[in-house]
Amino acid sequence: MKTVKNTKRAHVLFVLLCAAILLVLLRAPHETTAKVPNDAQHNRLLSLKNEQEAEKFCGECHGPAGKVPLPDGHPPKFRCLLCHKTQ
């Protein structure tokens, strides 16, 4: 009899845990990070399969002396494709 109560209690706790996880996931914010544009300037980067190889080209345009430097307060600049997805 005691194992039946323990089993029911475990099932209820499991369902409550699943509901809590689902609630947290449903309340998570939407993705706000910009994707890598699919244009002529980024074709070289988009054609590479290895993200670390592709990231070597980001600094050419987005470095301090580049055409489109990153804004002040931008996170570390060495792993661009962790946040900016390639579509």
N, C-alpha and C. Protein backbone atom coordinates (compact mmCIF):
# COMPACT_ATOMS: atom_id res chain seq x y z
N MET A 1 0.82 -1.19 0.00
CA MET A 1 0.00 0.00 0.00
C MET A 1 0.86 1.26 0.00
N LYS A 2 1.96 1.20 0.77
CA LYS A 2 2.83 2.36 0.88
C LYS A 2 3.53 2.65 -0.45
N THR A 3 3.91 1.62 -1.20
CA THR A 3 4.57 1.82 -2.49
C THR A 3 3.62 2.43 -3.51
N VAL A 4 2.34 2.14 -3.41
CA VAL A 4 1.35 2.74 -4.32
C VAL A 4 1.28 4.24 -4.07
N LYS A 5 1.28 4.64 -2.80
CA LYS A 5 1.26 6.07 -2.46
C LYS A 5 2.54 6.76 -2.94
N ASN A 6 3.67 6.09 -2.74
CA ASN A 6 4.94 6.66 -3.17
C ASN A 6 4.99 6.79 -4.70
N THR A 7 4.46 5.81 -5.40
CA THR A 7 4.43 5.85 -6.86
C THR A 7 3.54 6.98 -7.33
N LYS A 8 2.37 7.14 -6.75
CA LYS A 8 1.46 8.23 -7.12
C LYS A 8 2.12 9.58 -6.84
N ARG A 9 2.76 9.69 -5.70
CA ARG A 9 3.44 10.94 -5.33
C ARG A 9 4.55 11.25 -6.33
N ALA A 10 5.30 10.24 -6.74
CA ALA A 10 6.36 10.43 -7.72
C ALA A 10 5.79 10.87 -9.07
N HIS A 11 4.67 10.29 -9.47
CA HIS A 11 4.03 10.68 -10.73
C HIS A 11 3.54 12.12 -10.68
N VAL A 12 2.93 12.51 -9.57
CA VAL A 12 2.45 13.89 -9.42
C VAL A 12 3.63 14.86 -9.46
N LEU A 13 4.71 14.55 -8.76
CA LEU A 13 5.89 15.41 -8.77
C LEU A 13 6.49 15.51 -10.16
N PHE A 14 6.51 14.40 -10.89
CA PHE A 14 7.03 14.40 -12.25
C PHE A 14 6.18 15.29 -13.16
N VAL A 15 4.87 15.17 -13.06
CA VAL A 15 3.97 16.00 -13.88
C VAL A 15 4.15 17.48 -13.52
N LEU A 16 4.27 17.79 -12.25
CA LEU A 16 4.47 19.18 -11.83
C LEU A 16 5.81 19.72 -12.35
N LEU A 17 6.84 18.90 -12.30
CA LEU A 17 8.15 19.31 -12.82
C LEU A 17 8.07 19.57 -14.32
N CYS A 18 7.42 18.68 -15.04
CA CYS A 18 7.27 18.86 -16.49
C CYS A 18 6.47 20.14 -16.80
N ALA A 19 5.43 20.38 -16.05
CA ALA A 19 4.62 21.59 -16.25
C ALA A 19 5.45 22.84 -15.97
N ALA A 20 6.27 22.80 -14.92
CA ALA A 20 7.12 23.95 -14.60
C ALA A 20 8.13 24.21 -15.71
N ILE A 21 8.74 23.16 -16.24
CA ILE A 21 9.71 23.32 -17.33
C ILE A 21 9.01 23.88 -18.56
N LEU A 22 7.84 23.36 -18.89
CA LEU A 22 7.08 23.85 -20.03
C LEU A 22 6.72 25.32 -19.85
N LEU A 23 6.32 25.71 -18.68
CA LEU A 23 5.98 27.10 -18.40
C LEU A 23 7.19 28.01 -18.59
N VAL A 24 8.34 27.60 -18.11
CA VAL A 24 9.56 28.39 -18.28
C VAL A 24 9.90 28.53 -19.76
N LEU A 25 9.80 27.44 -20.51
CA LEU A 25 10.12 27.49 -21.94
C LEU A 25 9.13 28.36 -22.71
N LEU A 26 7.85 28.30 -22.35
CA LEU A 26 6.85 29.12 -23.04
C LEU A 26 7.03 30.61 -22.75
N ARG A 27 7.57 30.94 -21.60
CA ARG A 27 7.77 32.35 -21.23
C ARG A 27 9.13 32.89 -21.67
N ALA A 28 9.95 32.06 -22.29
CA ALA A 28 11.27 32.50 -22.74
C ALA A 28 11.12 33.56 -23.83
N PRO A 29 12.00 34.54 -23.86
CA PRO A 29 11.89 35.59 -24.87
C PRO A 29 12.19 35.06 -26.27
N HIS A 30 11.63 35.74 -27.26
CA HIS A 30 11.91 35.38 -28.64
C HIS A 30 13.34 35.75 -29.00
N GLU A 31 13.87 35.09 -30.02
CA GLU A 31 15.23 35.37 -30.47
C GLU A 31 15.29 36.79 -31.05
N THR A 32 16.22 37.58 -30.59
CA THR A 32 16.33 38.97 -31.06
C THR A 32 17.63 39.24 -31.82
N THR A 33 18.54 38.30 -31.82
CA THR A 33 19.82 38.49 -32.49
C THR A 33 19.62 38.43 -33.99
N ALA A 34 20.21 39.37 -34.71
CA ALA A 34 20.08 39.40 -36.17
C ALA A 34 20.77 38.20 -36.79
N LYS A 35 20.17 37.71 -37.88
CA LYS A 35 20.78 36.61 -38.63
C LYS A 35 21.80 37.17 -39.60
N VAL A 36 22.72 36.34 -40.04
CA VAL A 36 23.71 36.75 -41.03
C VAL A 36 22.95 36.98 -42.35
N PRO A 37 23.08 38.16 -42.95
CA PRO A 37 22.35 38.42 -44.20
C PRO A 37 22.79 37.48 -45.32
N ASN A 38 21.83 37.12 -46.16
CA ASN A 38 22.12 36.28 -47.31
C ASN A 38 22.31 37.21 -48.51
N ASP A 39 23.48 37.86 -48.57
CA ASP A 39 23.76 38.81 -49.64
C ASP A 39 25.17 38.58 -50.19
N ALA A 40 25.55 39.41 -51.16
CA ALA A 40 26.84 39.23 -51.83
C ALA A 40 28.02 39.34 -50.87
N GLN A 41 27.93 40.25 -49.88
CA GLN A 41 29.05 40.43 -48.95
C GLN A 41 29.26 39.22 -48.05
N HIS A 42 28.22 38.46 -47.78
CA HIS A 42 28.31 37.34 -46.84
C HIS A 42 28.33 35.98 -47.53
N ASN A 43 28.29 35.93 -48.86
CA ASN A 43 28.27 34.64 -49.57
C ASN A 43 29.48 33.78 -49.24
N ARG A 44 30.65 34.39 -49.14
CA ARG A 44 31.87 33.62 -48.82
C ARG A 44 31.71 32.95 -47.46
N LEU A 45 31.21 33.68 -46.50
CA LEU A 45 31.01 33.16 -45.15
C LEU A 45 29.94 32.06 -45.16
N LEU A 46 28.84 32.29 -45.86
CA LEU A 46 27.72 31.34 -45.87
C LEU A 46 28.06 30.05 -46.59
N SER A 47 29.03 30.10 -47.51
CA SER A 47 29.37 28.90 -48.27
C SER A 47 30.26 27.94 -47.48
N LEU A 48 30.88 28.41 -46.41
CA LEU A 48 31.75 27.56 -45.60
C LEU A 48 30.93 26.74 -44.61
N LYS A 49 31.27 25.50 -44.44
CA LYS A 49 30.55 24.61 -43.51
C LYS A 49 31.08 24.73 -42.08
N ASN A 50 32.36 25.04 -41.93
CA ASN A 50 32.99 25.15 -40.62
C ASN A 50 32.80 26.57 -40.09
N GLU A 51 32.06 26.71 -38.99
CA GLU A 51 31.76 28.04 -38.46
C GLU A 51 33.02 28.78 -38.02
N GLN A 52 33.98 28.08 -37.44
CA GLN A 52 35.19 28.75 -36.97
C GLN A 52 36.00 29.29 -38.15
N GLU A 53 35.99 28.58 -39.27
CA GLU A 53 36.67 29.09 -40.46
C GLU A 53 35.93 30.32 -41.00
N ALA A 54 34.61 30.26 -40.98
CA ALA A 54 33.81 31.37 -41.50
C ALA A 54 33.99 32.63 -40.65
N GLU A 55 34.12 32.46 -39.35
CA GLU A 55 34.24 33.61 -38.44
C GLU A 55 35.53 34.40 -38.65
N LYS A 56 36.51 33.81 -39.28
CA LYS A 56 37.76 34.52 -39.53
C LYS A 56 37.56 35.72 -40.46
N PHE A 57 36.50 35.68 -41.27
CA PHE A 57 36.25 36.76 -42.22
C PHE A 57 35.43 37.90 -41.63
N CYS A 58 34.81 37.71 -40.50
CA CYS A 58 33.93 38.73 -39.92
C CYS A 58 34.67 40.03 -39.61
N GLY A 59 35.88 39.91 -39.10
CA GLY A 59 36.65 41.09 -38.70
C GLY A 59 37.01 42.01 -39.85
N GLU A 60 37.03 41.50 -41.09
CA GLU A 60 37.37 42.34 -42.23
C GLU A 60 36.40 43.52 -42.36
N CYS A 61 35.12 43.26 -42.19
CA CYS A 61 34.11 44.33 -42.31
C CYS A 61 33.65 44.86 -40.95
N HIS A 62 33.66 43.98 -39.93
CA HIS A 62 33.08 44.36 -38.64
C HIS A 62 34.13 44.67 -37.59
N GLY A 63 35.39 44.74 -37.98
CA GLY A 63 36.45 45.14 -37.06
C GLY A 63 36.42 46.65 -36.86
N PRO A 64 37.24 47.18 -35.96
CA PRO A 64 37.24 48.62 -35.67
C PRO A 64 37.49 49.49 -36.91
N ALA A 65 38.30 49.00 -37.85
CA ALA A 65 38.59 49.79 -39.04
C ALA A 65 37.77 49.33 -40.25
N GLY A 66 36.79 48.46 -40.04
CA GLY A 66 36.00 47.91 -41.14
C GLY A 66 34.92 48.85 -41.62
N LYS A 67 34.22 48.42 -42.68
CA LYS A 67 33.14 49.22 -43.27
C LYS A 67 31.96 49.37 -42.31
N VAL A 68 31.68 48.30 -41.56
CA VAL A 68 30.54 48.31 -40.63
C VAL A 68 31.03 47.83 -39.27
N PRO A 69 31.74 48.72 -38.52
CA PRO A 69 32.26 48.28 -37.22
C PRO A 69 31.13 47.96 -36.24
N LEU A 70 31.42 47.07 -35.32
CA LEU A 70 30.43 46.68 -34.31
C LEU A 70 30.17 47.83 -33.35
N PRO A 71 28.94 47.95 -32.86
CA PRO A 71 28.62 49.04 -31.93
C PRO A 71 29.33 48.86 -30.59
N ASP A 72 29.46 49.96 -29.86
CA ASP A 72 30.04 49.90 -28.51
C ASP A 72 29.19 48.98 -27.64
N GLY A 73 29.81 48.23 -26.79
CA GLY A 73 29.10 47.33 -25.89
C GLY A 73 28.73 45.99 -26.52
N HIS A 74 29.16 45.76 -27.76
CA HIS A 74 28.89 44.46 -28.39
C HIS A 74 29.66 43.38 -27.65
N PRO A 75 29.07 42.20 -27.46
CA PRO A 75 29.77 41.12 -26.76
C PRO A 75 31.07 40.72 -27.47
N PRO A 76 31.86 39.84 -26.88
CA PRO A 76 33.14 39.43 -27.47
C PRO A 76 32.99 39.09 -28.96
N LYS A 77 34.00 39.50 -29.71
CA LYS A 77 33.88 39.45 -31.16
C LYS A 77 34.52 38.24 -31.81
N PHE A 78 34.92 37.25 -31.05
CA PHE A 78 35.66 36.14 -31.65
C PHE A 78 34.78 34.93 -31.97
N ARG A 79 33.53 34.88 -31.57
CA ARG A 79 32.63 33.75 -31.89
C ARG A 79 31.29 34.29 -32.39
N CYS A 80 31.33 34.93 -33.53
CA CYS A 80 30.14 35.60 -34.10
C CYS A 80 28.97 34.64 -34.31
N LEU A 81 29.26 33.45 -34.81
CA LEU A 81 28.19 32.54 -35.22
C LEU A 81 27.60 31.73 -34.07
N LEU A 82 28.00 32.05 -32.84
CA LEU A 82 27.29 31.48 -31.69
C LEU A 82 25.93 32.18 -31.55
N CYS A 83 25.89 33.47 -31.83
CA CYS A 83 24.65 34.24 -31.72
C CYS A 83 24.00 34.49 -33.08
N HIS A 84 24.81 34.91 -34.05
CA HIS A 84 24.28 35.24 -35.38
C HIS A 84 24.22 33.97 -36.22
N LYS A 85 23.03 33.51 -36.48
CA LYS A 85 22.84 32.24 -37.20
C LYS A 85 22.83 32.50 -38.72
N THR A 86 23.21 31.49 -39.45
CA THR A 86 23.27 31.58 -40.90
C THR A 86 21.97 31.03 -41.49
N GLN A 87 20.89 31.69 -41.23
CA GLN A 87 19.54 31.39 -41.72
C GLN A 87 19.00 30.13 -41.18
